[in-house]
C-alpha cells in the first residue's frame, strides 16, 4: 500500500521527466511512484493539463513519452472527480 497520496504540480512533472539531475527532488518524487511509496492522485483536468504542457515543443517530449507517462499515472494512481464550487475569491495585495 502506498504511503503517500500526492497531486503533482505540472512543473514537478516536467522537471522530473526531463531528468537533467537524476538525484533532483522532482526526479526522486517520480521514482517514488514506481516504487509504490507515492500514489499519484489525478482527475480529468489534471491529466488534460499534463498532456497539454508535456506536448509543448519547448520540452521535446515525444507523443509516446507523454502517452507512457499518462498511462503510468492512470495505472498506478487514483482518480478523483472533484466537484466545482462557485466562490468568488478576492486576490488582495500582499
PDB file of N, CA and C in Angstrom:
ATOM      1  N   UNK A   1       0.843  -1.185   0.000  1.00  0.00           N
ATOM      2  CA  UNK A   1       0.000   0.000   0.000  1.00  0.00           C
ATOM      3  C   UNK A   1       0.888   1.249   0.000  1.00  0.00           C
ATOM      4  N   UNK A   2       0.491   2.235  -0.772  1.00  0.00           N
ATOM      5  CA  UNK A   2       1.260   3.469  -0.855  1.00  0.00           C
ATOM      6  C   UNK A   2       1.239   4.205   0.467  1.00  0.00           C
ATOM      7  N   UNK A   3       2.330   4.872   0.721  1.00  0.00           N
ATOM      8  CA  UNK A   3       2.480   5.592   1.971  1.00  0.00           C
ATOM      9  C   UNK A   3       1.926   7.012   1.868  1.00  0.00           C
ATOM     10  N   UNK A   4       2.035   7.602   0.684  1.00  0.00           N
ATOM     11  CA  UNK A   4       1.614   8.987   0.489  1.00  0.00           C
ATOM     12  C   UNK A   4       0.756   9.105  -0.761  1.00  0.00           C
ATOM     13  N   UNK A   5      -0.219   9.979  -0.701  1.00  0.00           N
ATOM     14  CA  UNK A   5      -1.074  10.294  -1.835  1.00  0.00           C
ATOM     15  C   UNK A   5      -0.762  11.730  -2.236  1.00  0.00           C
ATOM     16  N   UNK A   6      -0.404  11.928  -3.521  1.00  0.00           N
ATOM     17  CA  UNK A   6       0.126  13.213  -3.943  1.00  0.00           C
ATOM     18  C   UNK A   6      -0.513  13.662  -5.246  1.00  0.00           C
ATOM     19  N   UNK A   7      -0.865  14.946  -5.310  1.00  0.00           N
ATOM     20  CA  UNK A   7      -1.224  15.588  -6.566  1.00  0.00           C
ATOM     21  C   UNK A   7       0.016  16.332  -7.028  1.00  0.00           C
ATOM     22  N   UNK A   8       0.558  15.932  -8.157  1.00  0.00           N
ATOM     23  CA  UNK A   8       1.788  16.526  -8.662  1.00  0.00           C
ATOM     24  C   UNK A   8       1.514  17.783  -9.473  1.00  0.00           C
ATOM     25  N   UNK A   9       2.160  18.858  -9.083  1.00  0.00           N
ATOM     26  CA  UNK A   9       2.130  20.072  -9.876  1.00  0.00           C
ATOM     27  C   UNK A   9       2.807  19.773 -11.212  1.00  0.00           C
ATOM     28  N   UNK A  10       2.303  20.375 -12.262  1.00  0.00           N
ATOM     29  CA  UNK A  10       2.834  20.120 -13.597  1.00  0.00           C
ATOM     30  C   UNK A  10       4.313  20.481 -13.703  1.00  0.00           C
ATOM     31  N   UNK A  11       4.754  21.527 -13.005  1.00  0.00           N
ATOM     32  CA  UNK A  11       6.166  21.903 -13.043  1.00  0.00           C
ATOM     33  C   UNK A  11       7.052  20.793 -12.477  1.00  0.00           C
ATOM     34  N   UNK A  12       6.575  20.109 -11.460  1.00  0.00           N
ATOM     35  CA  UNK A  12       7.325  18.998 -10.872  1.00  0.00           C
ATOM     36  C   UNK A  12       7.411  17.852 -11.884  1.00  0.00           C
ATOM     37  N   UNK A  13       6.312  17.576 -12.562  1.00  0.00           N
ATOM     38  CA  UNK A  13       6.289  16.516 -13.568  1.00  0.00           C
ATOM     39  C   UNK A  13       7.287  16.819 -14.683  1.00  0.00           C
ATOM     40  N   UNK A  14       7.247  18.035 -15.211  1.00  0.00           N
ATOM     41  CA  UNK A  14       8.166  18.414 -16.293  1.00  0.00           C
ATOM     42  C   UNK A  14       9.609  18.260 -15.833  1.00  0.00           C
ATOM     43  N   UNK A  15       9.927  18.816 -14.676  1.00  0.00           N
ATOM     44  CA  UNK A  15      11.300  18.736 -14.168  1.00  0.00           C
ATOM     45  C   UNK A  15      11.736  17.294 -13.952  1.00  0.00           C
ATOM     46  N   UNK A  16      10.851  16.500 -13.381  1.00  0.00           N
ATOM     47  CA  UNK A  16      11.181  15.102 -13.128  1.00  0.00           C
ATOM     48  C   UNK A  16      11.393  14.312 -14.401  1.00  0.00           C
ATOM     49  N   UNK A  17      10.554  14.546 -15.403  1.00  0.00           N
ATOM     50  CA  UNK A  17      10.678  13.812 -16.658  1.00  0.00           C
ATOM     51  C   UNK A  17      11.879  14.261 -17.478  1.00  0.00           C
ATOM     52  N   UNK A  18      12.249  15.515 -17.347  1.00  0.00           N
ATOM     53  CA  UNK A  18      13.423  15.990 -18.070  1.00  0.00           C
ATOM     54  C   UNK A  18      14.676  15.316 -17.527  1.00  0.00           C
ATOM     55  N   UNK A  19      14.658  14.985 -16.246  1.00  0.00           N
ATOM     56  CA  UNK A  19      15.716  14.196 -15.649  1.00  0.00           C
ATOM     57  C   UNK A  19      17.110  14.750 -15.809  1.00  0.00           C
ATOM     58  N   UNK A  20      17.224  16.065 -15.861  1.00  0.00           N
ATOM     59  CA  UNK A  20      18.539  16.682 -16.016  1.00  0.00           C
ATOM     60  C   UNK A  20      19.445  16.267 -14.861  1.00  0.00           C
ATOM     61  N   UNK A  21      18.887  16.299 -13.673  1.00  0.00           N
ATOM     62  CA  UNK A  21      19.617  15.849 -12.490  1.00  0.00           C
ATOM     63  C   UNK A  21      18.855  14.655 -11.921  1.00  0.00           C
ATOM     64  N   UNK A  22      19.424  13.478 -12.079  1.00  0.00           N
ATOM     65  CA  UNK A  22      18.739  12.250 -11.647  1.00  0.00           C
ATOM     66  C   UNK A  22      18.448  12.220 -10.152  1.00  0.00           C
ATOM     67  N   UNK A  23      19.209  12.969  -9.394  1.00  0.00           N
ATOM     68  CA  UNK A  23      19.014  12.965  -7.946  1.00  0.00           C
ATOM     69  C   UNK A  23      18.215  14.188  -7.473  1.00  0.00           C
ATOM     70  N   UNK A  24      17.598  14.912  -8.418  1.00  0.00           N
ATOM     71  CA  UNK A  24      16.811  16.082  -8.033  1.00  0.00           C
ATOM     72  C   UNK A  24      15.530  15.625  -7.332  1.00  0.00           C
ATOM     73  N   UNK A  25      14.943  16.518  -6.568  1.00  0.00           N
ATOM     74  CA  UNK A  25      13.691  16.169  -5.874  1.00  0.00           C
ATOM     75  C   UNK A  25      12.590  15.765  -6.848  1.00  0.00           C
ATOM     76  N   UNK A  26      12.366  16.514  -7.943  1.00  0.00           N
ATOM     77  CA  UNK A  26      11.310  16.072  -8.869  1.00  0.00           C
ATOM     78  C   UNK A  26      11.555  14.676  -9.435  1.00  0.00           C
ATOM     79  N   UNK A  27      12.800  14.367  -9.812  1.00  0.00           N
ATOM     80  CA  UNK A  27      13.093  13.029 -10.338  1.00  0.00           C
ATOM     81  C   UNK A  27      12.858  11.956  -9.281  1.00  0.00           C
ATOM     82  N   UNK A  28      13.288  12.230  -8.080  1.00  0.00           N
ATOM     83  CA  UNK A  28      13.099  11.267  -6.997  1.00  0.00           C
ATOM     84  C   UNK A  28      11.623  11.065  -6.686  1.00  0.00           C
ATOM     85  N   UNK A  29      10.845  12.139  -6.716  1.00  0.00           N
ATOM     86  CA  UNK A  29       9.410  12.005  -6.454  1.00  0.00           C
ATOM     87  C   UNK A  29       8.744  11.115  -7.491  1.00  0.00           C
ATOM     88  N   UNK A  30       9.100  11.300  -8.759  1.00  0.00           N
ATOM     89  CA  UNK A  30       8.516  10.436  -9.788  1.00  0.00           C
ATOM     90  C   UNK A  30       8.969   8.992  -9.612  1.00  0.00           C
ATOM     91  N   UNK A  31      10.214   8.782  -9.208  1.00  0.00           N
ATOM     92  CA  UNK A  31      10.689   7.420  -8.926  1.00  0.00           C
ATOM     93  C   UNK A  31       9.863   6.766  -7.819  1.00  0.00           C
ATOM     94  N   UNK A  32       9.427   7.560  -6.858  1.00  0.00           N
ATOM     95  CA  UNK A  32       8.636   7.027  -5.744  1.00  0.00           C
ATOM     96  C   UNK A  32       7.294   6.469  -6.213  1.00  0.00           C
ATOM     97  N   UNK A  33       6.805   6.955  -7.351  1.00  0.00           N
ATOM     98  CA  UNK A  33       5.568   6.388  -7.909  1.00  0.00           C
ATOM     99  C   UNK A  33       5.823   4.928  -8.281  1.00  0.00           C
ATOM    100  N   UNK A  34       6.895   4.682  -9.018  1.00  0.00           N
ATOM    101  CA  UNK A  34       7.239   3.320  -9.451  1.00  0.00           C
ATOM    102  C   UNK A  34       7.551   2.414  -8.270  1.00  0.00           C
ATOM    103  N   UNK A  35       8.118   2.995  -7.227  1.00  0.00           N
ATOM    104  CA  UNK A  35       8.476   2.223  -6.038  1.00  0.00           C
ATOM    105  C   UNK A  35       7.278   1.943  -5.132  1.00  0.00           C
ATOM    106  N   UNK A  36       6.132   2.551  -5.431  1.00  0.00           N
ATOM    107  CA  UNK A  36       4.934   2.333  -4.629  1.00  0.00           C
ATOM    108  C   UNK A  36       4.886   3.145  -3.347  1.00  0.00           C
ATOM    109  N   UNK A  37       5.804   4.071  -3.193  1.00  0.00           N
ATOM    110  CA  UNK A  37       5.808   4.918  -1.998  1.00  0.00           C
ATOM    111  C   UNK A  37       4.763   6.028  -2.128  1.00  0.00           C
ATOM    112  N   UNK A  38       4.599   6.516  -3.346  1.00  0.00           N
ATOM    113  CA  UNK A  38       3.631   7.581  -3.629  1.00  0.00           C
ATOM    114  C   UNK A  38       2.587   7.063  -4.592  1.00  0.00           C
ATOM    115  N   UNK A  39       1.337   7.341  -4.291  1.00  0.00           N
ATOM    116  CA  UNK A  39       0.241   7.071  -5.223  1.00  0.00           C
ATOM    117  C   UNK A  39      -0.219   8.425  -5.757  1.00  0.00           C
ATOM    118  N   UNK A  40      -0.031   8.654  -7.057  1.00  0.00           N
ATOM    119  CA  UNK A  40      -0.454   9.945  -7.605  1.00  0.00           C
ATOM    120  C   UNK A  40      -1.977  10.042  -7.669  1.00  0.00           C
ATOM    121  N   UNK A  41      -2.469  11.203  -7.325  1.00  0.00           N
ATOM    122  CA  UNK A  41      -3.899  11.494  -7.411  1.00  0.00           C
ATOM    123  C   UNK A  41      -4.104  12.313  -8.678  1.00  0.00           C
ATOM    124  N   UNK A  42      -5.116  11.965  -9.451  1.00  0.00           N
ATOM    125  CA  UNK A  42      -5.354  12.706 -10.694  1.00  0.00           C
ATOM    126  C   UNK A  42      -6.844  12.823 -10.966  1.00  0.00           C
ATOM    127  N   UNK A  43      -7.158  13.799 -11.769  1.00  0.00           N
ATOM    128  CA  UNK A  43      -8.517  13.990 -12.263  1.00  0.00           C
ATOM    129  C   UNK A  43      -8.408  14.188 -13.767  1.00  0.00           C
ATOM    130  N   UNK A  44      -9.521  14.272 -14.439  1.00  0.00           N
ATOM    131  CA  UNK A  44      -9.518  14.531 -15.879  1.00  0.00           C
ATOM    132  C   UNK A  44      -8.796  15.847 -16.166  1.00  0.00           C
ATOM    133  N   UNK A  45      -9.070  16.870 -15.383  1.00  0.00           N
ATOM    134  CA  UNK A  45      -8.437  18.170 -15.609  1.00  0.00           C
ATOM    135  C   UNK A  45      -6.923  18.114 -15.424  1.00  0.00           C
ATOM    136  N   UNK A  46      -6.463  17.362 -14.442  1.00  0.00           N
ATOM    137  CA  UNK A  46      -5.025  17.226 -14.210  1.00  0.00           C
ATOM    138  C   UNK A  46      -4.373  16.502 -15.385  1.00  0.00           C
ATOM    139  N   UNK A  47      -4.970  15.414 -15.835  1.00  0.00           N
ATOM    140  CA  UNK A  47      -4.435  14.669 -16.984  1.00  0.00           C
ATOM    141  C   UNK A  47      -4.410  15.561 -18.219  1.00  0.00           C
ATOM    142  N   UNK A  48      -5.479  16.323 -18.437  1.00  0.00           N
ATOM    143  CA  UNK A  48      -5.521  17.228 -19.595  1.00  0.00           C
ATOM    144  C   UNK A  48      -4.394  18.260 -19.524  1.00  0.00           C
ATOM    145  N   UNK A  49      -4.132  18.779 -18.343  1.00  0.00           N
ATOM    146  CA  UNK A  49      -3.051  19.761 -18.194  1.00  0.00           C
ATOM    147  C   UNK A  49      -1.693  19.108 -18.436  1.00  0.00           C
ATOM    148  N   UNK A  50      -1.468  17.920 -17.876  1.00  0.00           N
ATOM    149  CA  UNK A  50      -0.210  17.221 -18.123  1.00  0.00           C
ATOM    150  C   UNK A  50      -0.001  17.036 -19.632  1.00  0.00           C
ATOM    151  N   UNK A  51      -1.034  16.551 -20.327  1.00  0.00           N
ATOM    152  CA  UNK A  51      -0.918  16.312 -21.766  1.00  0.00           C
ATOM    153  C   UNK A  51      -0.589  17.605 -22.506  1.00  0.00           C
ATOM    154  N   UNK A  52      -1.291  18.669 -22.182  1.00  0.00           N
ATOM    155  CA  UNK A  52      -1.094  19.935 -22.888  1.00  0.00           C
ATOM    156  C   UNK A  52       0.318  20.464 -22.664  1.00  0.00           C
ATOM    157  N   UNK A  53       0.755  20.496 -21.430  1.00  0.00           N
ATOM    158  CA  UNK A  53       2.067  21.062 -21.112  1.00  0.00           C
ATOM    159  C   UNK A  53       3.187  20.176 -21.650  1.00  0.00           C
ATOM    160  N   UNK A  54       3.104  18.874 -21.432  1.00  0.00           N
ATOM    161  CA  UNK A  54       4.167  17.978 -21.876  1.00  0.00           C
ATOM    162  C   UNK A  54       4.279  17.913 -23.396  1.00  0.00           C
ATOM    163  N   UNK A  55       3.216  18.276 -24.101  1.00  0.00           N
ATOM    164  CA  UNK A  55       3.224  18.259 -25.567  1.00  0.00           C
ATOM    165  C   UNK A  55       3.794  19.543 -26.176  1.00  0.00           C
ATOM    166  N   UNK A  56       4.127  20.511 -25.348  1.00  0.00           N
ATOM    167  CA  UNK A  56       4.693  21.751 -25.871  1.00  0.00           C
ATOM    168  C   UNK A  56       6.053  21.484 -26.510  1.00  0.00           C
ATOM    169  N   UNK A  57       6.296  22.159 -27.622  1.00  0.00           N
ATOM    170  CA  UNK A  57       7.535  21.951 -28.388  1.00  0.00           C
ATOM    171  C   UNK A  57       8.784  22.234 -27.575  1.00  0.00           C
ATOM    172  N   UNK A  58       8.726  23.202 -26.658  1.00  0.00           N
ATOM    173  CA  UNK A  58       9.936  23.576 -25.909  1.00  0.00           C
ATOM    174  C   UNK A  58      10.479  22.441 -25.035  1.00  0.00           C
ATOM    175  N   UNK A  59       9.650  21.439 -24.738  1.00  0.00           N
ATOM    176  CA  UNK A  59      10.103  20.335 -23.898  1.00  0.00           C
ATOM    177  C   UNK A  59      10.593  19.135 -24.704  1.00  0.00           C
ATOM    178  N   UNK A  60      10.249  19.034 -25.941  1.00  0.00           N
ATOM    179  CA  UNK A  60      10.732  17.979 -26.850  1.00  0.00           C
ATOM    180  C   UNK A  60      10.378  16.559 -26.413  1.00  0.00           C
ATOM    181  N   UNK A  61       9.305  16.385 -25.652  1.00  0.00           N
ATOM    182  CA  UNK A  61       8.854  15.033 -25.329  1.00  0.00           C
ATOM    183  C   UNK A  61       8.117  14.475 -26.542  1.00  0.00           C
ATOM    184  N   UNK A  62       8.318  13.210 -26.826  1.00  0.00           N
ATOM    185  CA  UNK A  62       7.596  12.593 -27.934  1.00  0.00           C
ATOM    186  C   UNK A  62       6.169  12.257 -27.487  1.00  0.00           C
ATOM    187  N   UNK A  63       5.310  11.998 -28.460  1.00  0.00           N
ATOM    188  CA  UNK A  63       3.937  11.589 -28.131  1.00  0.00           C
ATOM    189  C   UNK A  63       3.960  10.298 -27.313  1.00  0.00           C
ATOM    190  N   UNK A  64       4.887   9.414 -27.639  1.00  0.00           N
ATOM    191  CA  UNK A  64       4.996   8.155 -26.895  1.00  0.00           C
ATOM    192  C   UNK A  64       5.396   8.408 -25.447  1.00  0.00           C
ATOM    193  N   UNK A  65       6.360   9.290 -25.228  1.00  0.00           N
ATOM    194  CA  UNK A  65       6.782   9.604 -23.856  1.00  0.00           C
ATOM    195  C   UNK A  65       5.623  10.190 -23.048  1.00  0.00           C
ATOM    196  N   UNK A  66       4.876  11.105 -23.665  1.00  0.00           N
ATOM    197  CA  UNK A  66       3.728  11.713 -22.983  1.00  0.00           C
ATOM    198  C   UNK A  66       2.686  10.642 -22.686  1.00  0.00           C
ATOM    199  N   UNK A  67       2.379   9.824 -23.687  1.00  0.00           N
ATOM    200  CA  UNK A  67       1.396   8.759 -23.503  1.00  0.00           C
ATOM    201  C   UNK A  67       1.810   7.753 -22.445  1.00  0.00           C
ATOM    202  N   UNK A  68       3.084   7.374 -22.452  1.00  0.00           N
ATOM    203  CA  UNK A  68       3.583   6.428 -21.448  1.00  0.00           C
ATOM    204  C   UNK A  68       3.442   6.993 -20.036  1.00  0.00           C
ATOM    205  N   UNK A  69       3.788   8.274 -19.878  1.00  0.00           N
ATOM    206  CA  UNK A  69       3.672   8.892 -18.553  1.00  0.00           C
ATOM    207  C   UNK A  69       2.210   8.931 -18.106  1.00  0.00           C
ATOM    208  N   UNK A  70       1.320   9.346 -18.982  1.00  0.00           N
ATOM    209  CA  UNK A  70      -0.113   9.414 -18.644  1.00  0.00           C
ATOM    210  C   UNK A  70      -0.625   8.021 -18.277  1.00  0.00           C
ATOM    211  N   UNK A  71      -0.217   7.013 -19.023  1.00  0.00           N
ATOM    212  CA  UNK A  71      -0.657   5.635 -18.726  1.00  0.00           C
ATOM    213  C   UNK A  71      -0.171   5.171 -17.364  1.00  0.00           C
ATOM    214  N   UNK A  72       1.059   5.521 -16.998  1.00  0.00           N
ATOM    215  CA  UNK A  72       1.593   5.153 -15.683  1.00  0.00           C
ATOM    216  C   UNK A  72       0.786   5.828 -14.576  1.00  0.00           C
ATOM    217  N   UNK A  73       0.504   7.116 -14.761  1.00  0.00           N
ATOM    218  CA  UNK A  73      -0.290   7.847 -13.750  1.00  0.00           C
ATOM    219  C   UNK A  73      -1.650   7.185 -13.583  1.00  0.00           C
ATOM    220  N   UNK A  74      -2.285   6.855 -14.702  1.00  0.00           N
ATOM    221  CA  UNK A  74      -3.606   6.223 -14.629  1.00  0.00           C
ATOM    222  C   UNK A  74      -3.537   4.822 -14.030  1.00  0.00           C
ATOM    223  N   UNK A  75      -2.481   4.080 -14.345  1.00  0.00           N
ATOM    224  CA  UNK A  75      -2.351   2.703 -13.854  1.00  0.00           C
ATOM    225  C   UNK A  75      -2.035   2.659 -12.361  1.00  0.00           C
ATOM    226  N   UNK A  76      -1.109   3.508 -11.933  1.00  0.00           N
ATOM    227  CA  UNK A  76      -0.644   3.448 -10.548  1.00  0.00           C
ATOM    228  C   UNK A  76      -1.332   4.457  -9.630  1.00  0.00           C
ATOM    229  N   UNK A  77      -2.067   5.377 -10.230  1.00  0.00           N
ATOM    230  CA  UNK A  77      -2.669   6.449  -9.442  1.00  0.00           C
ATOM    231  C   UNK A  77      -4.102   6.181  -9.035  1.00  0.00           C
ATOM    232  N   UNK A  78      -4.687   7.190  -8.438  1.00  0.00           N
ATOM    233  CA  UNK A  78      -6.079   7.132  -8.000  1.00  0.00           C
ATOM    234  C   UNK A  78      -6.821   8.324  -8.595  1.00  0.00           C
ATOM    235  N   UNK A  79      -7.876   8.025  -9.342  1.00  0.00           N
ATOM    236  CA  UNK A  79      -8.663   9.086  -9.964  1.00  0.00           C
ATOM    237  C   UNK A  79      -9.656   9.662  -8.969  1.00  0.00           C
ATOM    238  N   UNK A  80      -9.765  10.983  -9.009  1.00  0.00           N
ATOM    239  CA  UNK A  80     -10.792  11.669  -8.233  1.00  0.00           C
ATOM    240  C   UNK A  80     -11.633  12.484  -9.200  1.00  0.00           C
ATOM    241  N   UNK A  81     -12.854  12.734  -8.832  1.00  0.00           N
ATOM    242  CA  UNK A  81     -13.746  13.573  -9.627  1.00  0.00           C
ATOM    243  C   UNK A  81     -14.228  14.716  -8.749  1.00  0.00           C
ATOM    244  N   UNK A  82     -13.391  15.753  -8.633  1.00  0.00           N
ATOM    245  CA  UNK A  82     -13.743  16.857  -7.733  1.00  0.00           C
ATOM    246  C   UNK A  82     -14.969  17.619  -8.223  1.00  0.00           C
ATOM    247  N   UNK A  83     -15.692  18.147  -7.285  1.00  0.00           N
ATOM    248  CA  UNK A  83     -16.852  18.989  -7.593  1.00  0.00           C
ATOM    249  C   UNK A  83     -16.395  20.440  -7.618  1.00  0.00           C
ATOM    250  N   UNK A  84     -16.842  21.153  -8.602  1.00  0.00           N
ATOM    251  CA  UNK A  84     -16.511  22.571  -8.695  1.00  0.00           C
ATOM    252  C   UNK A  84     -17.439  23.361  -7.784  1.00  0.00           C
ATOM    253  N   UNK A  85     -16.866  24.380  -7.157  1.00  0.00           N
ATOM    254  CA  UNK A  85     -17.680  25.266  -6.333  1.00  0.00           C
ATOM    255  C   UNK A  85     -17.580  26.667  -6.918  1.00  0.00           C
ATOM    256  N   UNK A  86     -18.642  27.393  -6.803  1.00  0.00           N
ATOM    257  CA  UNK A  86     -18.685  28.738  -7.373  1.00  0.00           C
ATOM    258  C   UNK A  86     -18.491  29.752  -6.249  1.00  0.00           C
ATOM    259  N   UNK A  87     -17.234  30.030  -5.977  1.00  0.00           N
ATOM    260  CA  UNK A  87     -16.884  31.021  -4.955  1.00  0.00           C
ATOM    261  C   UNK A  87     -15.997  32.054  -5.604  1.00  0.00           C
ATOM    262  N   UNK A  88     -16.313  33.290  -5.384  1.00  0.00           N
ATOM    263  CA  UNK A  88     -15.518  34.377  -5.959  1.00  0.00           C
ATOM    264  C   UNK A  88     -14.511  34.840  -4.915  1.00  0.00           C
ATOM    265  N   UNK A  89     -13.253  34.390  -5.072  1.00  0.00           N
ATOM    266  CA  UNK A  89     -12.210  34.784  -4.157  1.00  0.00           C
ATOM    267  C   UNK A  89     -11.612  36.117  -4.617  1.00  0.00           C
ATOM    268  N   UNK A  90     -11.334  36.959  -3.660  1.00  0.00           N
ATOM    269  CA  UNK A  90     -10.705  38.235  -3.951  1.00  0.00           C
ATOM    270  C   UNK A  90      -9.214  38.099  -3.683  1.00  0.00           C
ATOM    271  N   UNK A  91      -8.398  38.447  -4.665  1.00  0.00           N
ATOM    272  CA  UNK A  91      -6.952  38.376  -4.519  1.00  0.00           C
ATOM    273  C   UNK A  91      -6.464  39.715  -3.999  1.00  0.00           C
ATOM    274  N   UNK A  92      -6.224  39.768  -2.713  1.00  0.00           N
ATOM    275  CA  UNK A  92      -5.796  41.028  -2.088  1.00  0.00           C
ATOM    276  C   UNK A  92      -4.296  41.217  -2.253  1.00  0.00           C
ATOM    277  N   UNK A  93      -3.858  42.451  -2.178  1.00  0.00           N
ATOM    278  CA  UNK A  93      -2.437  42.749  -2.240  1.00  0.00           C
ATOM    279  C   UNK A  93      -1.746  42.207  -1.013  1.00  0.00           C
ATOM    280  N   UNK A  94      -0.488  41.837  -1.179  1.00  0.00           N
ATOM    281  CA  UNK A  94       0.297  41.324  -0.041  1.00  0.00           C
ATOM    282  C   UNK A  94       0.703  42.460   0.872  1.00  0.00           C
TER     283      UNK A  94
END
